[in-house]
Amino acid sequence: MSAAFAQDDMTEDTAPPPEPVATLGDCALYAEAPEMPDPKEATAEDRAATIEGIKGFQAALGEYRACLDTISGNEELEVDARQAALDEFNRTVEMETDMVKDWQKFSKKYDKANK
């Protein structure tokens, strides 16, 4: 099959793979923390979609962190590489903590606006 023919087989819906938002070694994070909607304007559907976005982000973080754990725990690697993985792991914990704080603020304001 020629390269030109292979290109003809691609549909317009075929998109290149997403760019990771964070990488370290072979580890890649492809998700971003969801943005919180305006609590005064948000609908119940917006709130539910945000919850699903949070769950998806946390699942992606879990996979990324498992990979980082593999690097940080590999005693055959240089200390700098292992420390970089540990530092990146800790950075993702801070990201998740900030997201949860943002969710809590949103949720309080949402509940107040929708009494």
PDB file of N, CA and C in Angstrom:
ATOM      1  N   MET A   1       0.859  -1.176   0.000  1.00  0.00           N
ATOM      2  CA  MET A   1       0.000   0.000   0.000  1.00  0.00           C
ATOM      3  C   MET A   1       0.897   1.229   0.000  1.00  0.00           C
ATOM      4  N   SER A   2       0.621   2.162  -0.880  1.00  0.00           N
ATOM      5  CA  SER A   2       1.445   3.363  -0.950  1.00  0.00           C
ATOM      6  C   SER A   2       1.039   4.344   0.135  1.00  0.00           C
ATOM      7  N   ALA A   3       1.947   5.280   0.424  1.00  0.00           N
ATOM      8  CA  ALA A   3       1.671   6.275   1.458  1.00  0.00           C
ATOM      9  C   ALA A   3       0.486   7.143   1.058  1.00  0.00           C
ATOM     10  N   ALA A   4       0.392   7.462  -0.241  1.00  0.00           N
ATOM     11  CA  ALA A   4      -0.725   8.285  -0.707  1.00  0.00           C
ATOM     12  C   ALA A   4      -2.044   7.552  -0.505  1.00  0.00           C
ATOM     13  N   PHE A   5      -2.071   6.242  -0.784  1.00  0.00           N
ATOM     14  CA  PHE A   5      -3.289   5.456  -0.603  1.00  0.00           C
ATOM     15  C   PHE A   5      -3.665   5.398   0.869  1.00  0.00           C
ATOM     16  N   ALA A   6      -2.670   5.231   1.740  1.00  0.00           N
ATOM     17  CA  ALA A   6      -2.929   5.172   3.175  1.00  0.00           C
ATOM     18  C   ALA A   6      -3.542   6.472   3.659  1.00  0.00           C
ATOM     19  N   GLN A   7      -3.087   7.599   3.122  1.00  0.00           N
ATOM     20  CA  GLN A   7      -3.640   8.881   3.522  1.00  0.00           C
ATOM     21  C   GLN A   7      -5.097   9.000   3.073  1.00  0.00           C
ATOM     22  N   ASP A   8      -5.404   8.447   1.885  1.00  0.00           N
ATOM     23  CA  ASP A   8      -6.776   8.514   1.386  1.00  0.00           C
ATOM     24  C   ASP A   8      -7.737   7.759   2.298  1.00  0.00           C
ATOM     25  N   ASP A   9      -7.241   6.729   3.009  1.00  0.00           N
ATOM     26  CA  ASP A   9      -8.080   5.947   3.900  1.00  0.00           C
ATOM     27  C   ASP A   9      -8.454   6.698   5.178  1.00  0.00           C
ATOM     28  N   MET A  10      -7.722   7.744   5.503  1.00  0.00           N
ATOM     29  CA  MET A  10      -7.986   8.492   6.732  1.00  0.00           C
ATOM     30  C   MET A  10      -9.228   9.351   6.538  1.00  0.00           C
ATOM     31  N   THR A  11     -10.081   9.358   7.516  1.00  0.00           N
ATOM     32  CA  THR A  11     -11.282  10.180   7.442  1.00  0.00           C
ATOM     33  C   THR A  11     -11.011  11.517   8.098  1.00  0.00           C
ATOM     34  N   GLU A  12     -11.916  12.444   7.890  1.00  0.00           N
ATOM     35  CA  GLU A  12     -11.779  13.761   8.503  1.00  0.00           C
ATOM     36  C   GLU A  12     -11.887  13.671  10.021  1.00  0.00           C
ATOM     37  N   ASP A  13     -12.545  12.620  10.526  1.00  0.00           N
ATOM     38  CA  ASP A  13     -12.713  12.456  11.963  1.00  0.00           C
ATOM     39  C   ASP A  13     -11.437  11.962  12.638  1.00  0.00           C
ATOM     40  N   THR A  14     -10.475  11.479  11.847  1.00  0.00           N
ATOM     41  CA  THR A  14      -9.240  10.965  12.413  1.00  0.00           C
ATOM     42  C   THR A  14      -8.389  12.136  12.859  1.00  0.00           C
ATOM     43  N   ALA A  15      -8.153  12.198  14.131  1.00  0.00           N
ATOM     44  CA  ALA A  15      -7.350  13.284  14.690  1.00  0.00           C
ATOM     45  C   ALA A  15      -6.025  12.723  15.180  1.00  0.00           C
ATOM     46  N   PRO A  16      -5.010  13.559  15.183  1.00  0.00           N
ATOM     47  CA  PRO A  16      -3.745  13.085  15.730  1.00  0.00           C
ATOM     48  C   PRO A  16      -3.911  12.795  17.212  1.00  0.00           C
ATOM     49  N   PRO A  17      -3.056  11.946  17.765  1.00  0.00           N
ATOM     50  CA  PRO A  17      -3.181  11.651  19.195  1.00  0.00           C
ATOM     51  C   PRO A  17      -3.014  12.928  20.015  1.00  0.00           C
ATOM     52  N   PRO A  18      -3.692  12.984  21.144  1.00  0.00           N
ATOM     53  CA  PRO A  18      -3.590  14.202  21.966  1.00  0.00           C
ATOM     54  C   PRO A  18      -2.177  14.384  22.505  1.00  0.00           C
ATOM     55  N   GLU A  19      -1.809  15.620  22.704  1.00  0.00           N
ATOM     56  CA  GLU A  19      -0.518  15.935  23.301  1.00  0.00           C
ATOM     57  C   GLU A  19      -0.639  15.767  24.814  1.00  0.00           C
ATOM     58  N   PRO A  20       0.343  15.156  25.443  1.00  0.00           N
ATOM     59  CA  PRO A  20       0.281  15.033  26.902  1.00  0.00           C
ATOM     60  C   PRO A  20       0.443  16.402  27.555  1.00  0.00           C
ATOM     61  N   VAL A  21      -0.189  16.583  28.697  1.00  0.00           N
ATOM     62  CA  VAL A  21      -0.053  17.830  29.452  1.00  0.00           C
ATOM     63  C   VAL A  21       1.139  17.764  30.399  1.00  0.00           C
ATOM     64  N   ALA A  22       1.631  16.526  30.640  1.00  0.00           N
ATOM     65  CA  ALA A  22       2.818  16.332  31.473  1.00  0.00           C
ATOM     66  C   ALA A  22       3.465  15.012  31.079  1.00  0.00           C
ATOM     67  N   THR A  23       4.786  15.003  31.070  1.00  0.00           N
ATOM     68  CA  THR A  23       5.515  13.770  30.783  1.00  0.00           C
ATOM     69  C   THR A  23       6.753  13.685  31.656  1.00  0.00           C
ATOM     70  N   LEU A  24       7.151  12.463  31.915  1.00  0.00           N
ATOM     71  CA  LEU A  24       8.408  12.204  32.596  1.00  0.00           C
ATOM     72  C   LEU A  24       8.818  10.788  32.197  1.00  0.00           C
ATOM     73  N   GLY A  25       9.937  10.668  31.522  1.00  0.00           N
ATOM     74  CA  GLY A  25      10.351   9.357  31.029  1.00  0.00           C
ATOM     75  C   GLY A  25       9.275   8.801  30.113  1.00  0.00           C
ATOM     76  N   ASP A  26       8.859   7.583  30.361  1.00  0.00           N
ATOM     77  CA  ASP A  26       7.804   6.944  29.566  1.00  0.00           C
ATOM     78  C   ASP A  26       6.405   7.264  30.090  1.00  0.00           C
ATOM     79  N   CYS A  27       6.310   8.051  31.136  1.00  0.00           N
ATOM     80  CA  CYS A  27       5.022   8.373  31.755  1.00  0.00           C
ATOM     81  C   CYS A  27       4.430   9.617  31.094  1.00  0.00           C
ATOM     82  N   ALA A  28       3.126   9.586  30.847  1.00  0.00           N
ATOM     83  CA  ALA A  28       2.455  10.730  30.237  1.00  0.00           C
ATOM     84  C   ALA A  28       1.068  10.911  30.846  1.00  0.00           C
ATOM     85  N   LEU A  29       0.727  12.150  31.098  1.00  0.00           N
ATOM     86  CA  LEU A  29      -0.600  12.523  31.586  1.00  0.00           C
ATOM     87  C   LEU A  29      -1.309  13.258  30.457  1.00  0.00           C
ATOM     88  N   TYR A  30      -2.460  12.740  30.040  1.00  0.00           N
ATOM     89  CA  TYR A  30      -3.188  13.318  28.912  1.00  0.00           C
ATOM     90  C   TYR A  30      -4.415  14.113  29.325  1.00  0.00           C
ATOM     91  N   ALA A  31      -4.709  14.190  30.590  1.00  0.00           N
ATOM     92  CA  ALA A  31      -5.909  14.888  31.052  1.00  0.00           C
ATOM     93  C   ALA A  31      -5.524  16.138  31.833  1.00  0.00           C
ATOM     94  N   GLU A  32      -6.432  17.082  31.835  1.00  0.00           N
ATOM     95  CA  GLU A  32      -6.270  18.296  32.629  1.00  0.00           C
ATOM     96  C   GLU A  32      -7.420  18.380  33.625  1.00  0.00           C
ATOM     97  N   ALA A  33      -7.158  19.055  34.718  1.00  0.00           N
ATOM     98  CA  ALA A  33      -8.218  19.271  35.705  1.00  0.00           C
ATOM     99  C   ALA A  33      -9.336  20.083  35.048  1.00  0.00           C
ATOM    100  N   PRO A  34     -10.577  19.700  35.286  1.00  0.00           N
ATOM    101  CA  PRO A  34     -11.677  20.455  34.682  1.00  0.00           C
ATOM    102  C   PRO A  34     -11.787  21.845  35.299  1.00  0.00           C
ATOM    103  N   GLU A  35     -12.226  22.779  34.480  1.00  0.00           N
ATOM    104  CA  GLU A  35     -12.489  24.126  34.999  1.00  0.00           C
ATOM    105  C   GLU A  35     -13.850  24.118  35.672  1.00  0.00           C
ATOM    106  N   MET A  36     -13.933  24.812  36.767  1.00  0.00           N
ATOM    107  CA  MET A  36     -15.208  24.887  37.480  1.00  0.00           C
ATOM    108  C   MET A  36     -16.087  25.931  36.800  1.00  0.00           C
ATOM    109  N   PRO A  37     -17.351  25.592  36.568  1.00  0.00           N
ATOM    110  CA  PRO A  37     -18.261  26.571  35.965  1.00  0.00           C
ATOM    111  C   PRO A  37     -18.598  27.681  36.973  1.00  0.00           C
ATOM    112  N   ASP A  38     -19.191  28.722  36.463  1.00  0.00           N
ATOM    113  CA  ASP A  38     -19.656  29.808  37.324  1.00  0.00           C
ATOM    114  C   ASP A  38     -20.801  29.254  38.177  1.00  0.00           C
ATOM    115  N   PRO A  39     -20.646  29.223  39.495  1.00  0.00           N
ATOM    116  CA  PRO A  39     -21.671  28.599  40.347  1.00  0.00           C
ATOM    117  C   PRO A  39     -23.037  29.285  40.269  1.00  0.00           C
ATOM    118  N   LYS A  40     -23.052  30.566  39.937  1.00  0.00           N
ATOM    119  CA  LYS A  40     -24.329  31.277  39.852  1.00  0.00           C
ATOM    120  C   LYS A  40     -25.051  30.997  38.538  1.00  0.00           C
ATOM    121  N   GLU A  41     -24.315  30.571  37.524  1.00  0.00           N
ATOM    122  CA  GLU A  41     -24.886  30.299  36.204  1.00  0.00           C
ATOM    123  C   GLU A  41     -25.005  28.802  35.912  1.00  0.00           C
ATOM    124  N   ALA A  42     -24.318  27.970  36.673  1.00  0.00           N
ATOM    125  CA  ALA A  42     -24.247  26.534  36.381  1.00  0.00           C
ATOM    126  C   ALA A  42     -25.594  25.848  36.561  1.00  0.00           C
ATOM    127  N   THR A  43     -25.842  24.899  35.678  1.00  0.00           N
ATOM    128  CA  THR A  43     -27.041  24.066  35.775  1.00  0.00           C
ATOM    129  C   THR A  43     -26.670  22.765  36.484  1.00  0.00           C
ATOM    130  N   ALA A  44     -27.675  21.984  36.795  1.00  0.00           N
ATOM    131  CA  ALA A  44     -27.420  20.674  37.392  1.00  0.00           C
ATOM    132  C   ALA A  44     -26.596  19.814  36.427  1.00  0.00           C
ATOM    133  N   GLU A  45     -26.837  19.972  35.136  1.00  0.00           N
ATOM    134  CA  GLU A  45     -26.074  19.225  34.137  1.00  0.00           C
ATOM    135  C   GLU A  45     -24.603  19.662  34.139  1.00  0.00           C
ATOM    136  N   ASP A  46     -24.361  20.976  34.291  1.00  0.00           N
ATOM    137  CA  ASP A  46     -22.983  21.478  34.376  1.00  0.00           C
ATOM    138  C   ASP A  46     -22.276  20.883  35.588  1.00  0.00           C
ATOM    139  N   ARG A  47     -23.008  20.842  36.684  1.00  0.00           N
ATOM    140  CA  ARG A  47     -22.442  20.295  37.922  1.00  0.00           C
ATOM    141  C   ARG A  47     -22.107  18.816  37.743  1.00  0.00           C
ATOM    142  N   ALA A  48     -23.012  18.059  37.156  1.00  0.00           N
ATOM    143  CA  ALA A  48     -22.781  16.633  36.930  1.00  0.00           C
ATOM    144  C   ALA A  48     -21.611  16.411  35.969  1.00  0.00           C
ATOM    145  N   ALA A  49     -21.514  17.238  34.929  1.00  0.00           N
ATOM    146  CA  ALA A  49     -20.409  17.114  33.976  1.00  0.00           C
ATOM    147  C   ALA A  49     -19.080  17.428  34.649  1.00  0.00           C
ATOM    148  N   THR A  50     -19.086  18.373  35.557  1.00  0.00           N
ATOM    149  CA  THR A  50     -17.861  18.717  36.283  1.00  0.00           C
ATOM    150  C   THR A  50     -17.436  17.558  37.173  1.00  0.00           C
ATOM    151  N   ILE A  51     -18.398  16.929  37.834  1.00  0.00           N
ATOM    152  CA  ILE A  51     -18.089  15.761  38.667  1.00  0.00           C
ATOM    153  C   ILE A  51     -17.472  14.658  37.812  1.00  0.00           C
ATOM    154  N   GLU A  52     -18.039  14.410  36.641  1.00  0.00           N
ATOM    155  CA  GLU A  52     -17.490  13.387  35.740  1.00  0.00           C
ATOM    156  C   GLU A  52     -16.093  13.771  35.281  1.00  0.00           C
ATOM    157  N   GLY A  53     -15.872  15.070  35.016  1.00  0.00           N
ATOM    158  CA  GLY A  53     -14.539  15.545  34.630  1.00  0.00           C
ATOM    159  C   GLY A  53     -13.526  15.334  35.738  1.00  0.00           C
ATOM    160  N   ILE A  54     -13.944  15.562  36.958  1.00  0.00           N
ATOM    161  CA  ILE A  54     -13.066  15.345  38.115  1.00  0.00           C
ATOM    162  C   ILE A  54     -12.708  13.869  38.227  1.00  0.00           C
ATOM    163  N   LYS A  55     -13.706  13.010  38.099  1.00  0.00           N
ATOM    164  CA  LYS A  55     -13.457  11.563  38.184  1.00  0.00           C
ATOM    165  C   LYS A  55     -12.502  11.105  37.089  1.00  0.00           C
ATOM    166  N   GLY A  56     -12.700  11.599  35.886  1.00  0.00           N
ATOM    167  CA  GLY A  56     -11.823  11.240  34.773  1.00  0.00           C
ATOM    168  C   GLY A  56     -10.402  11.713  34.992  1.00  0.00           C
ATOM    169  N   PHE A  57     -10.271  12.927  35.504  1.00  0.00           N
ATOM    170  CA  PHE A  57      -8.940  13.471  35.782  1.00  0.00           C
ATOM    171  C   PHE A  57      -8.253  12.666  36.872  1.00  0.00           C
ATOM    172  N   GLN A  58      -8.990  12.316  37.915  1.00  0.00           N
ATOM    173  CA  GLN A  58      -8.400  11.530  38.995  1.00  0.00           C
ATOM    174  C   GLN A  58      -7.978  10.148  38.509  1.00  0.00           C
ATOM    175  N   ALA A  59      -8.742   9.559  37.603  1.00  0.00           N
ATOM    176  CA  ALA A  59      -8.359   8.255  37.042  1.00  0.00           C
ATOM    177  C   ALA A  59      -7.072   8.384  36.229  1.00  0.00           C
ATOM    178  N   ALA A  60      -6.979   9.443  35.426  1.00  0.00           N
ATOM    179  CA  ALA A  60      -5.765   9.668  34.639  1.00  0.00           C
ATOM    180  C   ALA A  60      -4.568   9.923  35.550  1.00  0.00           C
ATOM    181  N   LEU A  61      -4.795  10.674  36.629  1.00  0.00           N
ATOM    182  CA  LEU A  61      -3.717  10.907  37.596  1.00  0.00           C
ATOM    183  C   LEU A  61      -3.249   9.600  38.219  1.00  0.00           C
ATOM    184  N   GLY A  62      -4.182   8.712  38.514  1.00  0.00           N
ATOM    185  CA  GLY A  62      -3.819   7.421  39.101  1.00  0.00           C
ATOM    186  C   GLY A  62      -2.901   6.625  38.194  1.00  0.00           C
ATOM    187  N   GLU A  63      -3.218   6.605  36.899  1.00  0.00           N
ATOM    188  CA  GLU A  63      -2.382   5.889  35.932  1.00  0.00           C
ATOM    189  C   GLU A  63      -1.002   6.538  35.823  1.00  0.00           C
ATOM    190  N   TYR A  64      -0.987   7.845  35.744  1.00  0.00           N
ATOM    191  CA  TYR A  64       0.272   8.593  35.637  1.00  0.00           C
ATOM    192  C   TYR A  64       1.132   8.360  36.882  1.00  0.00           C
ATOM    193  N   ARG A  65       0.510   8.425  38.032  1.00  0.00           N
ATOM    194  CA  ARG A  65       1.256   8.225  39.285  1.00  0.00           C
ATOM    195  C   ARG A  65       1.785   6.803  39.405  1.00  0.00           C
ATOM    196  N   ALA A  66       1.046   5.824  38.927  1.00  0.00           N
ATOM    197  CA  ALA A  66       1.539   4.442  38.965  1.00  0.00           C
ATOM    198  C   ALA A  66       2.814   4.327  38.132  1.00  0.00           C
ATOM    199  N   CYS A  67       2.831   4.981  37.007  1.00  0.00           N
ATOM    200  CA  CYS A  67       4.023   4.979  36.161  1.00  0.00           C
ATOM    201  C   CYS A  67       5.175   5.702  36.873  1.00  0.00           C
ATOM    202  N   LEU A  68       4.873   6.838  37.480  1.00  0.00           N
ATOM    203  CA  LEU A  68       5.906   7.579  38.219  1.00  0.00           C
ATOM    204  C   LEU A  68       6.453   6.752  39.377  1.00  0.00           C
ATOM    205  N   ASP A  69       5.576   5.994  40.041  1.00  0.00           N
ATOM    206  CA  ASP A  69       6.010   5.104  41.126  1.00  0.00           C
ATOM    207  C   ASP A  69       7.008   4.069  40.625  1.00  0.00           C
ATOM    208  N   THR A  70       6.760   3.574  39.423  1.00  0.00           N
ATOM    209  CA  THR A  70       7.663   2.579  38.839  1.00  0.00           C
ATOM    210  C   THR A  70       9.055   3.174  38.661  1.00  0.00           C
ATOM    211  N   ILE A  71       9.109   4.408  38.200  1.00  0.00           N
ATOM    212  CA  ILE A  71      10.404   5.072  38.018  1.00  0.00           C
ATOM    213  C   ILE A  71      11.061   5.346  39.364  1.00  0.00           C
ATOM    214  N   SER A  72      10.309   5.942  40.281  1.00  0.00           N
ATOM    215  CA  SER A  72      10.907   6.332  41.564  1.00  0.00           C
ATOM    216  C   SER A  72      11.349   5.127  42.385  1.00  0.00           C
ATOM    217  N   GLY A  73      10.728   3.987  42.163  1.00  0.00           N
ATOM    218  CA  GLY A  73      11.084   2.793  42.915  1.00  0.00           C
ATOM    219  C   GLY A  73      12.140   1.919  42.250  1.00  0.00           C
ATOM    220  N   ASN A  74      12.577   2.299  41.069  1.00  0.00           N
ATOM    221  CA  ASN A  74      13.553   1.498  40.324  1.00  0.00           C
ATOM    222  C   ASN A  74      14.972   1.848  40.772  1.00  0.00           C
ATOM    223  N   GLU A  75      15.524   1.020  41.609  1.00  0.00           N
ATOM    224  CA  GLU A  75      16.847   1.291  42.171  1.00  0.00           C
ATOM    225  C   GLU A  75      17.970   1.156  41.151  1.00  0.00           C
ATOM    226  N   GLU A  76      17.649   0.674  39.959  1.00  0.00           N
ATOM    227  CA  GLU A  76      18.663   0.594  38.908  1.00  0.00           C
ATOM    228  C   GLU A  76      18.860   1.934  38.214  1.00  0.00           C
ATOM    229  N   LEU A  77      17.931   2.870  38.406  1.00  0.00           N
ATOM    230  CA  LEU A  77      18.025   4.191  37.789  1.00  0.00           C
ATOM    231  C   LEU A  77      18.870   5.124  38.648  1.00  0.00           C
ATOM    232  N   GLU A  78      19.359   6.162  38.008  1.00  0.00           N
ATOM    233  CA  GLU A  78      20.119   7.195  38.722  1.00  0.00           C
ATOM    234  C   GLU A  78      19.208   7.880  39.752  1.00  0.00           C
ATOM    235  N   VAL A  79      19.829   8.349  40.807  1.00  0.00           N
ATOM    236  CA  VAL A  79      19.093   9.021  41.880  1.00  0.00           C
ATOM    237  C   VAL A  79      18.328  10.229  41.341  1.00  0.00           C
ATOM    238  N   ASP A  80      18.930  10.985  40.419  1.00  0.00           N
ATOM    239  CA  ASP A  80      18.261  12.177  39.870  1.00  0.00           C
ATOM    240  C   ASP A  80      16.965  11.818  39.143  1.00  0.00           C
ATOM    241  N   ALA A  81      16.982  10.732  38.386  1.00  0.00           N
ATOM    242  CA  ALA A  81      15.778  10.303  37.663  1.00  0.00           C
ATOM    243  C   ALA A  81      14.693   9.869  38.645  1.00  0.00           C
ATOM    244  N   ARG A  82      15.093   9.156  39.662  1.00  0.00           N
ATOM    245  CA  ARG A  82      14.131   8.699  40.661  1.00  0.00           C
ATOM    246  C   ARG A  82      13.550   9.885  41.420  1.00  0.00           C
ATOM    247  N   GLN A  83      14.387  10.861  41.752  1.00  0.00           N
ATOM    248  CA  GLN A  83      13.923  12.048  42.475  1.00  0.00           C
ATOM    249  C   GLN A  83      12.994  12.879  41.595  1.00  0.00           C
ATOM    250  N   ALA A  84      13.298  12.977  40.305  1.00  0.00           N
ATOM    251  CA  ALA A  84      12.431  13.728  39.389  1.00  0.00           C
ATOM    252  C   ALA A  84      11.035  13.109  39.349  1.00  0.00           C
ATOM    253  N   ALA A  85      10.971  11.775  39.353  1.00  0.00           N
ATOM    254  CA  ALA A  85       9.666  11.098  39.352  1.00  0.00           C
ATOM    255  C   ALA A  85       8.923  11.370  40.655  1.00  0.00           C
ATOM    256  N   LEU A  86       9.626  11.358  41.756  1.00  0.00           N
ATOM    257  CA  LEU A  86       9.005  11.637  43.048  1.00  0.00           C
ATOM    258  C   LEU A  86       8.516  13.088  43.104  1.00  0.00           C
ATOM    259  N   ASP A  87       9.326  14.011  42.604  1.00  0.00           N
ATOM    260  CA  ASP A  87       8.922  15.416  42.576  1.00  0.00           C
ATOM    261  C   ASP A  87       7.686  15.620  41.707  1.00  0.00           C
ATOM    262  N   GLU A  88       7.638  14.932  40.562  1.00  0.00           N
ATOM    263  CA  GLU A  88       6.489  15.045  39.666  1.00  0.00           C
ATOM    264  C   GLU A  88       5.249  14.441  40.324  1.00  0.00           C
ATOM    265  N   PHE A  89       5.414  13.329  41.011  1.00  0.00           N
ATOM    266  CA  PHE A  89       4.310  12.713  41.744  1.00  0.00           C
ATOM    267  C   PHE A  89       3.746  13.730  42.740  1.00  0.00           C
ATOM    268  N   ASN A  90       4.618  14.344  43.514  1.00  0.00           N
ATOM    269  CA  ASN A  90       4.178  15.322  44.515  1.00  0.00           C
ATOM    270  C   ASN A  90       3.501  16.526  43.865  1.00  0.00           C
ATOM    271  N   ARG A  91       3.992  16.936  42.692  1.00  0.00           N
ATOM    272  CA  ARG A  91       3.373  18.062  41.985  1.00  0.00           C
ATOM    273  C   ARG A  91       1.935  17.706  41.592  1.00  0.00           C
ATOM    274  N   THR A  92       1.711  16.460  41.182  1.00  0.00           N
ATOM    275  CA  THR A  92       0.355  16.065  40.796  1.00  0.00           C
ATOM    276  C   THR A  92      -0.575  15.988  42.004  1.00  0.00           C
ATOM    277  N   VAL A  93      -0.021  15.657  43.157  1.00  0.00           N
ATOM    278  CA  VAL A  93      -0.827  15.662  44.386  1.00  0.00           C
ATOM    279  C   VAL A  93      -1.284  17.087  44.688  1.00  0.00           C
ATOM    280  N   GLU A  94      -0.385  18.053  44.509  1.00  0.00           N
ATOM    281  CA  GLU A  94      -0.748  19.457  44.730  1.00  0.00           C
ATOM    282  C   GLU A  94      -1.817  19.899  43.723  1.00  0.00           C
ATOM    283  N   MET A  95      -1.669  19.468  42.458  1.00  0.00           N
ATOM    284  CA  MET A  95      -2.675  19.796  41.441  1.00  0.00           C
ATOM    285  C   MET A  95      -4.047  19.262  41.846  1.00  0.00           C
ATOM    286  N   GLU A  96      -4.068  18.020  42.303  1.00  0.00           N
ATOM    287  CA  GLU A  96      -5.334  17.402  42.687  1.00  0.00           C
ATOM    288  C   GLU A  96      -5.924  18.093  43.912  1.00  0.00           C
ATOM    289  N   THR A  97      -5.083  18.431  44.860  1.00  0.00           N
ATOM    290  CA  THR A  97      -5.538  19.138  46.059  1.00  0.00           C
ATOM    291  C   THR A  97      -6.163  20.477  45.692  1.00  0.00           C
ATOM    292  N   ASP A  98      -5.512  21.217  44.785  1.00  0.00           N
ATOM    293  CA  ASP A  98      -6.053  22.504  44.339  1.00  0.00           C
ATOM    294  C   ASP A  98      -7.395  22.316  43.634  1.00  0.00           C
ATOM    295  N   MET A  99      -7.509  21.262  42.822  1.00  0.00           N
ATOM    296  CA  MET A  99      -8.757  20.996  42.120  1.00  0.00           C
ATOM    297  C   MET A  99      -9.878  20.709  43.135  1.00  0.00           C
ATOM    298  N   VAL A 100      -9.579  19.913  44.152  1.00  0.00           N
ATOM    299  CA  VAL A 100     -10.588  19.580  45.167  1.00  0.00           C
ATOM    300  C   VAL A 100     -11.013  20.843  45.916  1.00  0.00           C
ATOM    301  N   LYS A 101     -10.065  21.696  46.244  1.00  0.00           N
ATOM    302  CA  LYS A 101     -10.411  22.962  46.908  1.00  0.00           C
ATOM    303  C   LYS A 101     -11.314  23.808  46.014  1.00  0.00           C
ATOM    304  N   ASP A 102     -10.981  23.872  44.718  1.00  0.00           N
ATOM    305  CA  ASP A 102     -11.821  24.628  43.784  1.00  0.00           C
ATOM    306  C   ASP A 102     -13.223  24.033  43.721  1.00  0.00           C
ATOM    307  N   TRP A 103     -13.306  22.683  43.716  1.00  0.00           N
ATOM    308  CA  TRP A 103     -14.609  22.023  43.699  1.00  0.00           C
ATOM    309  C   TRP A 103     -15.414  22.370  44.945  1.00  0.00           C
ATOM    310  N   GLN A 104     -14.759  22.350  46.094  1.00  0.00           N
ATOM    311  CA  GLN A 104     -15.459  22.648  47.340  1.00  0.00           C
ATOM    312  C   GLN A 104     -15.999  24.075  47.331  1.00  0.00           C
ATOM    313  N   LYS A 105     -15.212  25.014  46.831  1.00  0.00           N
ATOM    314  CA  LYS A 105     -15.673  26.402  46.734  1.00  0.00           C
ATOM    315  C   LYS A 105     -16.854  26.494  45.776  1.00  0.00           C
ATOM    316  N   PHE A 106     -16.704  25.855  44.605  1.00  0.00           N
ATOM    317  CA  PHE A 106     -17.795  25.862  43.630  1.00  0.00           C
ATOM    318  C   PHE A 106     -19.059  25.273  44.236  1.00  0.00           C
ATOM    319  N   SER A 107     -18.925  24.116  44.880  1.00  0.00           N
ATOM    320  CA  SER A 107     -20.080  23.398  45.409  1.00  0.00           C
ATOM    321  C   SER A 107     -20.824  24.232  46.452  1.00  0.00           C
ATOM    322  N   LYS A 108     -20.086  24.879  47.341  1.00  0.00           N
ATOM    323  CA  LYS A 108     -20.731  25.732  48.358  1.00  0.00           C
ATOM    324  C   LYS A 108     -21.505  26.865  47.694  1.00  0.00           C
ATOM    325  N   LYS A 109     -20.859  27.532  46.740  1.00  0.00           N
ATOM    326  CA  LYS A 109     -21.514  28.655  46.069  1.00  0.00           C
ATOM    327  C   LYS A 109     -22.681  28.178  45.214  1.00  0.00           C
ATOM    328  N   TYR A 110     -22.522  27.017  44.570  1.00  0.00           N
ATOM    329  CA  TYR A 110     -23.597  26.450  43.762  1.00  0.00           C
ATOM    330  C   TYR A 110     -24.811  26.140  44.632  1.00  0.00           C
ATOM    331  N   ASP A 111     -24.554  25.462  45.757  1.00  0.00           N
ATOM    332  CA  ASP A 111     -25.645  25.119  46.668  1.00  0.00           C
ATOM    333  C   ASP A 111     -26.365  26.363  47.179  1.00  0.00           C
ATOM    334  N   LYS A 112     -25.611  27.390  47.500  1.00  0.00           N
ATOM    335  CA  LYS A 112     -26.192  28.627  47.996  1.00  0.00           C
ATOM    336  C   LYS A 112     -27.039  29.307  46.919  1.00  0.00           C
ATOM    337  N   ALA A 113     -26.538  29.283  45.669  1.00  0.00           N
ATOM    338  CA  ALA A 113     -27.248  29.935  44.561  1.00  0.00           C
ATOM    339  C   ALA A 113     -28.480  29.131  44.128  1.00  0.00           C
ATOM    340  N   ASN A 114     -28.529  27.859  44.481  1.00  0.00           N
ATOM    341  CA  ASN A 114     -29.627  27.007  44.003  1.00  0.00           C
ATOM    342  C   ASN A 114     -30.489  26.460  45.142  1.00  0.00           C
ATOM    343  N   LYS A 115     -30.640  27.233  46.209  1.00  0.00           N
ATOM    344  CA  LYS A 115     -31.504  26.821  47.325  1.00  0.00           C
ATOM    345  C   LYS A 115     -32.934  26.817  46.920  1.00  0.00           C
TER     346      LYS A 115
END
